[in-house]
């Protein structure tokens, strides 16, 4: 498996919003969710604004919403084209976010300062395909946090997915049948890695157009990530499942203590 995430997100930068039924509503929902989730874990520890680093911001799906809830937000991504798009979306919404291009594996050099919260949502961390890359990233998350800082990562439920060896997602039909979005997954031998083929199909002026972007993932188990977080120095590692949190993916939180 090759690291294909840069090409994937550069290729999707202009059309990423089409994956969602209504991307702008999703931005608002994610902002409200993470505002409530983060503040519930801090329980009054912060009187000043919370400084948050969204380390895989994409076009701003989490960062733009969170910035509307009295957080001071820095948002970085591997994809320069995604950052360009995120800046434009921030201007449209009138929200202030510090944007930059950065890689998980070099956050210590790419991003100045430390933060109360480091966030990586929507299955970005499993782009790191082996333990060495994942360890480097987790150590960088640790370095970027202030003492007692909070790490938040969300990812797909690979404990279940690896049992079933899922081959595709259910197509979602939107815009009165004029937009169809789905993924096809090609598994590598051994079942620990796969390639996602992201299909976006649109009927435009009576003709169907199909965009396909592909990238590699590691089907990362919760115990595997927890062990690497512990090795990086994190404590109080907790998993929050969708039935508990209300989020659509499992979330792991960990503290720099």
Foldseek 3Di string as FASTA:
>chain_A
DDLCVQVQLLQCQVPVCVQDQGLVVLLQVLLVLVVVVVCVVCVPVDPAAFEEEAEAQFLNSNPLNVQVVRHAYEYEHQYPSSQVNNVVVCVVVVGDYHYDYDDLLPLVPGPDAAGQEYEYEDAPLQSQPDLVSSLSSLLSNLVRHDAFHKYKYWHAQLVVCLVVVDAKDDWDAHPPRFWIWMWGWAADPPSQKIKIWIWIWGQDPNDIDIDIGIGMGGSDHPVNSVVSNVVSQWPPWDWAQCVRSVDPTIMIMTTRD
